[in-house]
C-alpha atoms as a PDB file:
ATOM      1  CA  MET A   1     170.492 127.038  38.422  1.00  0.00           C
ATOM      2  CA  ARG A   2     166.953 125.800  39.029  1.00  0.00           C
ATOM      3  CA  ILE A   3     167.992 123.989  42.226  1.00  0.00           C
ATOM      4  CA  SER A   4     169.650 127.164  43.529  1.00  0.00           C
ATOM      5  CA  MET A   5     166.529 129.168  42.718  1.00  0.00           C
ATOM      6  CA  GLN A   6     164.353 126.507  44.379  1.00  0.00           C
ATOM      7  CA  ARG A   7     166.395 126.848  47.528  1.00  0.00           C
ATOM      8  CA  MET A   8     165.972 130.602  47.393  1.00  0.00           C
ATOM      9  CA  VAL A   9     162.244 130.150  47.032  1.00  0.00           C
ATOM     10  CA  ASP A  10     162.168 127.683  49.950  1.00  0.00           C
ATOM     11  CA  ARG A  11     164.076 130.085  52.157  1.00  0.00           C
ATOM     12  CA  THR A  12     161.808 132.929  51.116  1.00  0.00           C
ATOM     13  CA  ILE A  13     158.681 130.925  51.855  1.00  0.00           C
ATOM     14  CA  ALA A  14     160.098 129.852  55.224  1.00  0.00           C
ATOM     15  CA  ASN A  15     160.894 133.471  56.085  1.00  0.00           C
ATOM     16  CA  ILE A  16     157.401 134.576  55.109  1.00  0.00           C
ATOM     17  CA  ALA A  17     155.846 131.755  57.145  1.00  0.00           C
ATOM     18  CA  MET A  18     157.965 132.522  60.204  1.00  0.00           C
ATOM     19  CA  ASN A  19     157.056 136.201  60.179  1.00  0.00           C
ATOM     20  CA  LEU A  20     153.412 135.412  59.494  1.00  0.00           C
ATOM     21  CA  GLU A  21     153.377 133.067  62.483  1.00  0.00           C
ATOM     22  CA  LYS A  22     154.803 135.815  64.689  1.00  0.00           C
ATOM     23  CA  LEU A  23     152.233 138.254  63.333  1.00  0.00           C
ATOM     24  CA  VAL A  24     149.312 135.890  63.923  1.00  0.00           C
ATOM     25  CA  ALA A  25     150.508 135.151  67.472  1.00  0.00           C
ATOM     26  CA  LEU A  26     150.665 138.855  68.292  1.00  0.00           C
ATOM     27  CA  GLN A  27     147.246 139.430  66.713  1.00  0.00           C
ATOM     28  CA  GLU A  28     145.790 136.663  68.898  1.00  0.00           C
ATOM     29  CA  GLN A  29     147.441 138.112  72.007  1.00  0.00           C
ATOM     30  CA  ALA A  30     146.062 141.566  71.203  1.00  0.00           C
ATOM     31  CA  ALA A  31     142.565 140.159  70.585  1.00  0.00           C
ATOM     32  CA  SER A  32     142.450 137.913  73.676  1.00  0.00           C
ATOM     33  CA  GLY A  33     144.546 139.950  76.073  1.00  0.00           C
ATOM     34  CA  LYS A  34     146.367 136.729  76.951  1.00  0.00           C
ATOM     35  CA  ARG A  35     150.067 136.002  76.595  1.00  0.00           C
ATOM     36  CA  LEU A  36     149.743 132.233  76.949  1.00  0.00           C
ATOM     37  CA  LEU A  37     147.587 130.810  74.177  1.00  0.00           C
ATOM     38  CA  ARG A  38     149.346 127.498  73.536  1.00  0.00           C
ATOM     39  CA  PRO A  39     151.551 125.265  75.704  1.00  0.00           C
ATOM     40  CA  GLU A  40     154.511 125.905  73.427  1.00  0.00           C
ATOM     41  CA  ASP A  41     154.251 129.662  73.958  1.00  0.00           C
ATOM     42  CA  ASP A  42     155.927 129.317  77.371  1.00  0.00           C
ATOM     43  CA  PRO A  43     155.976 125.782  78.842  1.00  0.00           C
ATOM     44  CA  ALA A  44     157.169 126.977  82.258  1.00  0.00           C
ATOM     45  CA  GLY A  45     154.572 129.743  82.274  1.00  0.00           C
ATOM     46  CA  VAL A  46     151.820 127.297  81.326  1.00  0.00           C
ATOM     47  CA  ARG A  47     152.806 124.985  84.186  1.00  0.00           C
ATOM     48  CA  ARG A  48     152.812 127.937  86.552  1.00  0.00           C
ATOM     49  CA  ALA A  49     149.379 129.029  85.312  1.00  0.00           C
ATOM     50  CA  ILE A  50     147.962 125.523  85.805  1.00  0.00           C
ATOM     51  CA  SER A  51     149.282 125.474  89.377  1.00  0.00           C
ATOM     52  CA  LEU A  52     147.837 128.911  90.122  1.00  0.00           C
ATOM     53  CA  ARG A  53     144.457 127.952  88.665  1.00  0.00           C
ATOM     54  CA  ALA A  54     144.401 124.839  90.862  1.00  0.00           C
ATOM     55  CA  GLY A  55     145.137 127.023  93.879  1.00  0.00           C
ATOM     56  CA  LEU A  56     142.349 129.411  92.917  1.00  0.00           C
ATOM     57  CA  ALA A  57     139.890 126.539  92.484  1.00  0.00           C
ATOM     58  CA  ALA A  58     140.771 125.135  95.920  1.00  0.00           C
ATOM     59  CA  THR A  59     140.477 128.577  97.508  1.00  0.00           C
ATOM     60  CA  GLN A  60     137.046 129.070  95.939  1.00  0.00           C
ATOM     61  CA  ARG A  61     135.903 125.676  97.249  1.00  0.00           C
ATOM     62  CA  TYR A  62     136.874 126.721 100.771  1.00  0.00           C
ATOM     63  CA  LEU A  63     135.060 130.041 100.329  1.00  0.00           C
ATOM     64  CA  ASP A  64     131.968 128.195  99.088  1.00  0.00           C
ATOM     65  CA  ASN A  65     132.127 125.930 102.150  1.00  0.00           C
ATOM     66  CA  ILE A  66     132.408 128.975 104.390  1.00  0.00           C
ATOM     67  CA  GLN A  67     129.398 130.609 102.748  1.00  0.00           C
ATOM     68  CA  ASP A  68     127.308 127.461 103.129  1.00  0.00           C
ATOM     69  CA  SER A  69     128.450 127.119 106.739  1.00  0.00           C
ATOM     70  CA  ASP A  70     127.686 130.747 107.514  1.00  0.00           C
ATOM     71  CA  ASP A  71     124.222 130.461 105.968  1.00  0.00           C
ATOM     72  CA  TRP A  72     123.550 127.409 108.140  1.00  0.00           C
ATOM     73  CA  MET A  73     124.880 129.078 111.283  1.00  0.00           C
ATOM     74  CA  SER A  74     122.924 132.272 110.608  1.00  0.00           C
ATOM     75  CA  ALA A  75     119.719 130.249 110.347  1.00  0.00           C
ATOM     76  CA  THR A  76     120.669 128.417 113.548  1.00  0.00           C
ATOM     77  CA  ASP A  77     121.440 131.655 115.379  1.00  0.00           C
ATOM     78  CA  ALA A  78     118.113 133.173 114.325  1.00  0.00           C
ATOM     79  CA  ALA A  79     116.192 130.085 115.443  1.00  0.00           C
ATOM     80  CA  LEU A  80     117.949 129.928 118.810  1.00  0.00           C
ATOM     81  CA  GLY A  81     117.384 133.645 119.315  1.00  0.00           C
ATOM     82  CA  HIS A  82     113.685 133.133 118.668  1.00  0.00           C
ATOM     83  CA  ILE A  83     113.561 130.258 121.162  1.00  0.00           C
ATOM     84  CA  ALA A  84     115.234 132.474 123.766  1.00  0.00           C
ATOM     85  CA  ASP A  85     112.585 135.134 123.112  1.00  0.00           C
ATOM     86  CA  LEU A  86     109.826 132.544 123.520  1.00  0.00           C
ATOM     87  CA  MET A  87     111.316 131.542 126.849  1.00  0.00           C
ATOM     88  CA  THR A  88     111.295 135.174 127.958  1.00  0.00           C
ATOM     89  CA  LYS A  89     107.575 135.285 127.172  1.00  0.00           C
ATOM     90  CA  ALA A  90     107.077 132.012 129.032  1.00  0.00           C
ATOM     91  CA  LEU A  91     108.841 133.447 132.083  1.00  0.00           C
ATOM     92  CA  THR A  92     106.547 136.462 132.000  1.00  0.00           C
ATOM     93  CA  LEU A  93     103.517 134.166 131.911  1.00  0.00           C
ATOM     94  CA  ALA A  94     104.971 132.042 134.721  1.00  0.00           C
ATOM     95  CA  GLU A  95     105.471 135.086 136.917  1.00  0.00           C
ATOM     96  CA  LYS A  96     101.852 136.076 136.327  1.00  0.00           C
ATOM     97  CA  GLY A  97     100.678 132.550 137.066  1.00  0.00           C
ATOM     98  CA  ALA A  98     102.695 132.423 140.295  1.00  0.00           C
ATOM     99  CA  SER A  99     100.818 135.394 141.712  1.00  0.00           C
ATOM    100  CA  ASP A 100      98.391 134.536 144.486  1.00  0.00           C
ATOM    101  CA  THR A 101      95.935 137.048 143.051  1.00  0.00           C
ATOM    102  CA  VAL A 102      95.389 135.043 139.838  1.00  0.00           C
ATOM    103  CA  SER A 103      92.301 132.832 139.592  1.00  0.00           C
ATOM    104  CA  ALA A 104      92.083 129.297 138.210  1.00  0.00           C
ATOM    105  CA  ASP A 105      90.369 130.596 135.058  1.00  0.00           C
ATOM    106  CA  GLU A 106      93.131 133.115 134.522  1.00  0.00           C
ATOM    107  CA  ARG A 107      95.748 130.386 134.911  1.00  0.00           C
ATOM    108  CA  ARG A 108      93.951 128.303 132.300  1.00  0.00           C
ATOM    109  CA  ALA A 109      94.084 131.295 129.958  1.00  0.00           C
ATOM    110  CA  LEU A 110      97.800 131.632 130.657  1.00  0.00           C
ATOM    111  CA  ALA A 111      98.199 127.900 129.965  1.00  0.00           C
ATOM    112  CA  ALA A 112      96.650 128.403 126.527  1.00  0.00           C
ATOM    113  CA  GLU A 113      99.238 131.096 125.804  1.00  0.00           C
ATOM    114  CA  VAL A 114     102.039 128.795 126.937  1.00  0.00           C
ATOM    115  CA  ASP A 115     100.679 126.083 124.662  1.00  0.00           C
ATOM    116  CA  GLN A 116     100.960 128.511 121.749  1.00  0.00           C
ATOM    117  CA  LEU A 117     104.571 129.174 122.735  1.00  0.00           C
ATOM    118  CA  LEU A 118     105.179 125.415 122.774  1.00  0.00           C
ATOM    119  CA  GLN A 119     103.756 125.001 119.276  1.00  0.00           C
ATOM    120  CA  GLU A 120     105.889 127.881 118.035  1.00  0.00           C
ATOM    121  CA  ALA A 121     108.995 126.426 119.687  1.00  0.00           C
ATOM    122  CA  ILE A 122     108.396 123.067 117.979  1.00  0.00           C
ATOM    123  CA  SER A 123     107.947 124.835 114.648  1.00  0.00           C
ATOM    124  CA  THR A 124     111.210 126.711 115.222  1.00  0.00           C
ATOM    125  CA  GLY A 125     112.971 123.463 116.090  1.00  0.00           C
ATOM    126  CA  ASN A 126     111.844 122.169 112.702  1.00  0.00           C
ATOM    127  CA  THR A 127     113.456 125.092 110.860  1.00  0.00           C
ATOM    128  CA  ARG A 128     114.732 124.290 107.381  1.00  0.00           C
ATOM    129  CA  LEU A 129     117.434 125.921 105.287  1.00  0.00           C
ATOM    130  CA  THR A 130     116.306 125.317 101.709  1.00  0.00           C
ATOM    131  CA  ASP A 131     115.386 121.625 101.924  1.00  0.00           C
ATOM    132  CA  ARG A 132     117.509 120.715 104.966  1.00  0.00           C
ATOM    133  CA  TYR A 133     116.338 120.526 108.585  1.00  0.00           C
ATOM    134  CA  ILE A 134     119.084 122.346 110.442  1.00  0.00           C
ATOM    135  CA  PHE A 135     118.606 120.682 113.859  1.00  0.00           C
ATOM    136  CA  ALA A 136     118.288 117.040 112.720  1.00  0.00           C
ATOM    137  CA  GLY A 137     121.975 116.083 112.693  1.00  0.00           C
ATOM    138  CA  PHE A 138     122.837 113.980 109.656  1.00  0.00           C
ATOM    139  CA  LYS A 139     119.136 113.256 109.049  1.00  0.00           C
ATOM    140  CA  THR A 140     118.582 116.551 107.291  1.00  0.00           C
ATOM    141  CA  THR A 141     115.545 115.295 105.360  1.00  0.00           C
ATOM    142  CA  THR A 142     113.748 114.151 108.535  1.00  0.00           C
ATOM    143  CA  GLN A 143     111.596 116.547 110.566  1.00  0.00           C
ATOM    144  CA  PRO A 144     113.416 116.499 113.903  1.00  0.00           C
ATOM    145  CA  PHE A 145     110.588 117.202 116.368  1.00  0.00           C
ATOM    146  CA  THR A 146     107.131 115.682 116.740  1.00  0.00           C
ATOM    147  CA  LEU A 147     104.602 116.375 119.488  1.00  0.00           C
ATOM    148  CA  VAL A 148     103.174 113.132 120.886  1.00  0.00           C
ATOM    149  CA  PRO A 149      99.976 113.703 122.927  1.00  0.00           C
ATOM    150  CA  GLY A 150      99.912 112.287 126.442  1.00  0.00           C
ATOM    151  CA  PRO A 151      99.255 112.584 129.149  1.00  0.00           C
ATOM    152  CA  PRO A 152     101.856 113.681 129.611  1.00  0.00           C
ATOM    153  CA  ASP A 153     102.594 115.292 126.235  1.00  0.00           C
ATOM    154  CA  GLN A 154     106.078 114.659 124.883  1.00  0.00           C
ATOM    155  CA  VAL A 155     108.167 116.135 122.100  1.00  0.00           C
ATOM    156  CA  ILE A 156     110.075 113.334 120.378  1.00  0.00           C
ATOM    157  CA  TYR A 157     113.411 113.959 118.659  1.00  0.00           C
ATOM    158  CA  ASN A 158     113.624 112.123 115.333  1.00  0.00           C
ATOM    159  CA  GLY A 159     117.087 113.283 114.322  1.00  0.00           C
ATOM    160  CA  ASP A 160     120.490 112.012 115.397  1.00  0.00           C
ATOM    161  CA  SER A 161     123.599 113.449 117.030  1.00  0.00           C
ATOM    162  CA  GLY A 162     125.570 113.747 113.788  1.00  0.00           C
ATOM    163  CA  GLN A 163     128.019 116.643 113.593  1.00  0.00           C
ATOM    164  CA  ILE A 164     128.100 118.161 110.103  1.00  0.00           C
ATOM    165  CA  ARG A 165     131.582 119.466 109.368  1.00  0.00           C
ATOM    166  CA  ARG A 166     132.984 121.535 106.523  1.00  0.00           C
ATOM    167  CA  GLU A 167     136.609 122.040 105.530  1.00  0.00           C
ATOM    168  CA  ILE A 168     137.203 125.793 105.502  1.00  0.00           C
ATOM    169  CA  GLU A 169     140.986 125.862 105.100  1.00  0.00           C
ATOM    170  CA  PRO A 170     143.567 123.188 104.302  1.00  0.00           C
ATOM    171  CA  GLY A 171     143.290 120.605 107.072  1.00  0.00           C
ATOM    172  CA  GLU A 172     140.861 122.705 109.139  1.00  0.00           C
ATOM    173  CA  THR A 173     137.187 121.883 109.602  1.00  0.00           C
ATOM    174  CA  VAL A 174     134.363 123.533 111.496  1.00  0.00           C
ATOM    175  CA  THR A 175     131.167 122.053 112.922  1.00  0.00           C
ATOM    176  CA  VAL A 176     128.270 123.652 111.082  1.00  0.00           C
ATOM    177  CA  ASN A 177     125.239 122.397 112.951  1.00  0.00           C
ATOM    178  CA  VAL A 178     123.680 122.160 116.390  1.00  0.00           C
ATOM    179  CA  THR A 179     121.684 119.011 116.998  1.00  0.00           C
ATOM    180  CA  GLY A 180     118.180 119.257 118.378  1.00  0.00           C
ATOM    181  CA  ASP A 181     118.908 116.873 121.226  1.00  0.00           C
ATOM    182  CA  THR A 182     121.465 119.394 122.476  1.00  0.00           C
ATOM    183  CA  ALA A 183     119.500 122.629 122.236  1.00  0.00           C
ATOM    184  CA  PHE A 184     115.814 121.872 122.735  1.00  0.00           C
ATOM    185  CA  PRO A 185     114.806 119.065 125.149  1.00  0.00           C
ATOM    186  CA  ALA A 186     114.803 121.243 128.281  1.00  0.00           C
ATOM    187  CA  VAL A 187     112.839 123.944 126.460  1.00  0.00           C
ATOM    188  CA  PHE A 188     110.037 121.606 125.449  1.00  0.00           C
ATOM    189  CA  GLU A 189     109.997 119.869 128.813  1.00  0.00           C
ATOM    190  CA  GLN A 190     109.705 123.125 130.738  1.00  0.00           C
ATOM    191  CA  LEU A 191     107.057 124.637 128.461  1.00  0.00           C
ATOM    192  CA  ILE A 192     104.928 121.504 128.757  1.00  0.00           C
ATOM    193  CA  GLY A 193     105.500 121.483 132.512  1.00  0.00           C
ATOM    194  CA  LEU A 194     104.537 125.148 132.877  1.00  0.00           C
ATOM    195  CA  ARG A 195     101.403 124.683 130.807  1.00  0.00           C
ATOM    196  CA  ASP A 196     100.321 121.674 132.848  1.00  0.00           C
ATOM    197  CA  ASP A 197     101.096 123.432 136.154  1.00  0.00           C
ATOM    198  CA  LEU A 198      98.889 126.329 135.089  1.00  0.00           C
ATOM    199  CA  LEU A 199      96.105 123.999 133.981  1.00  0.00           C
ATOM    200  CA  ALA A 200      96.308 122.273 137.365  1.00  0.00           C
ATOM    201  CA  ASP A 201      96.021 125.677 139.069  1.00  0.00           C
ATOM    202  CA  ASP A 202      99.142 124.758 141.045  1.00  0.00           C
ATOM    203  CA  ARG A 203     100.595 128.121 142.029  1.00  0.00           C
ATOM    204  CA  ALA A 204     103.505 126.613 143.997  1.00  0.00           C
ATOM    205  CA  ALA A 205     104.513 124.417 141.066  1.00  0.00           C
ATOM    206  CA  VAL A 206     104.369 127.409 138.735  1.00  0.00           C
ATOM    207  CA  GLN A 207     106.593 129.356 141.126  1.00  0.00           C
ATOM    208  CA  ALA A 208     109.095 126.499 141.280  1.00  0.00           C
ATOM    209  CA  ARG A 209     109.022 126.214 137.497  1.00  0.00           C
ATOM    210  CA  ILE A 210     110.462 129.709 137.010  1.00  0.00           C
ATOM    211  CA  SER A 211     114.048 128.745 137.888  1.00  0.00           C
ATOM    212  CA  GLN A 212     113.836 125.734 135.574  1.00  0.00           C
ATOM    213  CA  LEU A 213     112.601 127.934 132.734  1.00  0.00           C
ATOM    214  CA  GLN A 214     115.507 130.291 133.364  1.00  0.00           C
ATOM    215  CA  ALA A 215     117.965 127.390 133.261  1.00  0.00           C
ATOM    216  CA  ALA A 216     116.475 126.123 129.994  1.00  0.00           C
ATOM    217  CA  GLN A 217     116.696 129.598 128.479  1.00  0.00           C
ATOM    218  CA  GLN A 218     120.307 129.958 129.591  1.00  0.00           C
ATOM    219  CA  GLY A 219     121.098 126.635 127.949  1.00  0.00           C
ATOM    220  CA  VAL A 220     119.756 127.993 124.660  1.00  0.00           C
ATOM    221  CA  LEU A 221     121.759 131.202 125.060  1.00  0.00           C
ATOM    222  CA  ASP A 222     124.925 129.181 125.736  1.00  0.00           C
ATOM    223  CA  VAL A 223     124.428 127.193 122.533  1.00  0.00           C
ATOM    224  CA  GLN A 224     123.754 130.423 120.649  1.00  0.00           C
ATOM    225  CA  ALA A 225     127.027 131.864 121.976  1.00  0.00           C
ATOM    226  CA  THR A 226     128.874 128.793 120.694  1.00  0.00           C
ATOM    227  CA  VAL A 227     127.368 129.325 117.246  1.00  0.00           C
ATOM    228  CA  GLY A 228     128.407 132.983 117.359  1.00  0.00           C
ATOM    229  CA  ALA A 229     131.988 132.006 118.176  1.00  0.00           C
ATOM    230  CA  ARG A 230     132.025 129.623 115.219  1.00  0.00           C
ATOM    231  CA  GLN A 231     130.775 132.380 112.941  1.00  0.00           C
ATOM    232  CA  GLY A 232     133.576 134.623 114.158  1.00  0.00           C
ATOM    233  CA  HIS A 233     136.055 131.911 113.229  1.00  0.00           C
ATOM    234  CA  LEU A 234     134.460 131.634 109.789  1.00  0.00           C
ATOM    235  CA  SER A 235     134.804 135.369 109.287  1.00  0.00           C
ATOM    236  CA  GLY A 236     138.535 135.251 109.988  1.00  0.00           C
ATOM    237  CA  ALA A 237     139.050 132.312 107.639  1.00  0.00           C
ATOM    238  CA  SER A 238     137.012 134.030 104.928  1.00  0.00           C
ATOM    239  CA  GLU A 239     139.145 137.161 105.158  1.00  0.00           C
ATOM    240  CA  ARG A 240     142.359 135.153 104.834  1.00  0.00           C
ATOM    241  CA  LEU A 241     141.012 133.215 101.859  1.00  0.00           C
ATOM    242  CA  GLU A 242     139.780 136.351 100.091  1.00  0.00           C
ATOM    243  CA  ASN A 243     143.272 137.821 100.458  1.00  0.00           C
ATOM    244  CA  MET A 244     144.753 134.591  99.111  1.00  0.00           C
ATOM    245  CA  LYS A 245     142.331 134.680  96.184  1.00  0.00           C
ATOM    246  CA  LEU A 246     143.371 138.231  95.314  1.00  0.00           C
ATOM    247  CA  MET A 247     147.044 137.299  95.476  1.00  0.00           C
ATOM    248  CA  LEU A 248     146.624 134.195  93.299  1.00  0.00           C
ATOM    249  CA  THR A 249     144.509 136.124  90.797  1.00  0.00           C
ATOM    250  CA  ASP A 250     147.196 138.795  90.552  1.00  0.00           C
ATOM    251  CA  LEU A 251     149.937 136.206  90.085  1.00  0.00           C
ATOM    252  CA  LEU A 252     147.914 134.421  87.410  1.00  0.00           C
ATOM    253  CA  SER A 253     147.354 137.704  85.609  1.00  0.00           C
ATOM    254  CA  ARG A 254     151.087 138.367  85.589  1.00  0.00           C
ATOM    255  CA  VAL A 255     151.733 134.939  84.100  1.00  0.00           C
ATOM    256  CA  GLU A 256     148.874 134.781  81.587  1.00  0.00           C
ATOM    257  CA  ASP A 257     147.922 138.293  80.621  1.00  0.00           C
ATOM    258  CA  ALA A 258     149.625 140.210  77.877  1.00  0.00           C
ATOM    259  CA  ASP A 259     151.031 143.687  78.455  1.00  0.00           C
ATOM    260  CA  MET A 260     148.652 145.358  76.021  1.00  0.00           C
ATOM    261  CA  ALA A 261     150.755 148.484  75.448  1.00  0.00           C
ATOM    262  CA  GLU A 262     153.817 146.377  74.704  1.00  0.00           C
ATOM    263  CA  THR A 263     151.791 143.927  72.606  1.00  0.00           C
ATOM    264  CA  ILE A 264     150.368 146.701  70.399  1.00  0.00           C
ATOM    265  CA  VAL A 265     153.857 148.113  69.829  1.00  0.00           C
ATOM    266  CA  ARG A 266     155.223 144.681  68.929  1.00  0.00           C
ATOM    267  CA  LEU A 267     152.225 143.975  66.692  1.00  0.00           C
ATOM    268  CA  THR A 268     152.741 147.218  64.789  1.00  0.00           C
ATOM    269  CA  GLU A 269     156.432 146.449  64.391  1.00  0.00           C
ATOM    270  CA  GLN A 270     155.712 142.903  63.224  1.00  0.00           C
ATOM    271  CA  GLU A 271     153.150 144.099  60.675  1.00  0.00           C
ATOM    272  CA  THR A 272     155.826 146.401  59.258  1.00  0.00           C
ATOM    273  CA  VAL A 273     158.371 143.575  59.187  1.00  0.00           C
ATOM    274  CA  TYR A 274     155.921 141.200  57.520  1.00  0.00           C
ATOM    275  CA  GLN A 275     155.021 143.698  54.807  1.00  0.00           C
ATOM    276  CA  ALA A 276     158.720 144.342  54.212  1.00  0.00           C
ATOM    277  CA  VAL A 277     159.376 140.604  53.879  1.00  0.00           C
ATOM    278  CA  LEU A 278     156.560 140.271  51.362  1.00  0.00           C
ATOM    279  CA  GLN A 279     157.865 143.181  49.326  1.00  0.00           C
ATOM    280  CA  ALA A 280     161.430 141.896  49.416  1.00  0.00           C
ATOM    281  CA  SER A 281     160.272 138.437  48.376  1.00  0.00           C
ATOM    282  CA  ALA A 282     158.273 139.834  45.494  1.00  0.00           C
ATOM    283  CA  SER A 283     161.276 141.832  44.311  1.00  0.00           C
ATOM    284  CA  ALA A 284     163.723 138.975  44.612  1.00  0.00           C
ATOM    285  CA  ILE A 285     161.615 136.405  42.781  1.00  0.00           C
ATOM    286  CA  PRO A 286     159.729 137.568  39.686  1.00  0.00           C
ATOM    287  CA  PRO A 287     156.115 136.365  39.320  1.00  0.00           C
ATOM    288  CA  SER A 288     157.021 134.485  36.130  1.00  0.00           C
ATOM    289  CA  LEU A 289     159.562 132.425  38.027  1.00  0.00           C
ATOM    290  CA  TRP A 290     157.051 131.678  40.749  1.00  0.00           C
ATOM    291  CA  SER A 291     154.750 130.329  38.084  1.00  0.00           C
ATOM    292  CA  PHE A 292     157.522 128.303  36.523  1.00  0.00           C
ATOM    293  CA  LEU A 293     158.533 126.774  39.851  1.00  0.00           C
ATOM    294  CA  ARG A 294     155.002 125.621  40.609  1.00  0.00           C
END
């Protein structure tokens, strides 16, 4: 008789434990809003969630690379635009200096203005984004341009020709930087030449210099156009990745997140079932027998 009663007690305890486990699981789902709380809840779902999270992490890395690349290119575009503006000012000064009505003193004054443009161009060539020189190639901690007094004066490039690339989509990279030896040498050379022509009061040389200044400016504008095209490519990749991120986030939500309306209904039902099990157990096994069986 006691063995039979012990079995009844064991079954009762097991039934209580099973229903309590269901109740606790539903309470946790309701509190967290998540359907998957443990690997055993849904092994296939957990594997799917892990895969989706990995995809989201990779997508975010690409988006971070795009943001860093766009920041770099925006700084590059602004610097090149400023150089182009400086060259426009230099052309204006050259046209004044080429006039046969300008005196030697006036040309020297114009030369001083050109020298200021040169200093500003060098400063722009040494632009930094945070702590990185954007025109130095791989040598991002090295100031790329240094003015070495002459005669003749020279602007020395201290960087290298390294192309910094970022992966922006699976298997696709983009060149982030423009190296100083590509964008600036003609600019510095022509500004120094114009200044020295003006100082020498050489009107013919100043006149001849105008076409060279225009060519140097066009070279800068061409590089700027290349940067703009790269930024357009980044924008397209960013849009695709943002769409992918939204899709993966939605899929992950479907796998992980609990349907709260359904969860609350099931929780209420399970609370009722659990209370009924407790009451039935208490009725079936008197407290005195529980004490005896302990």
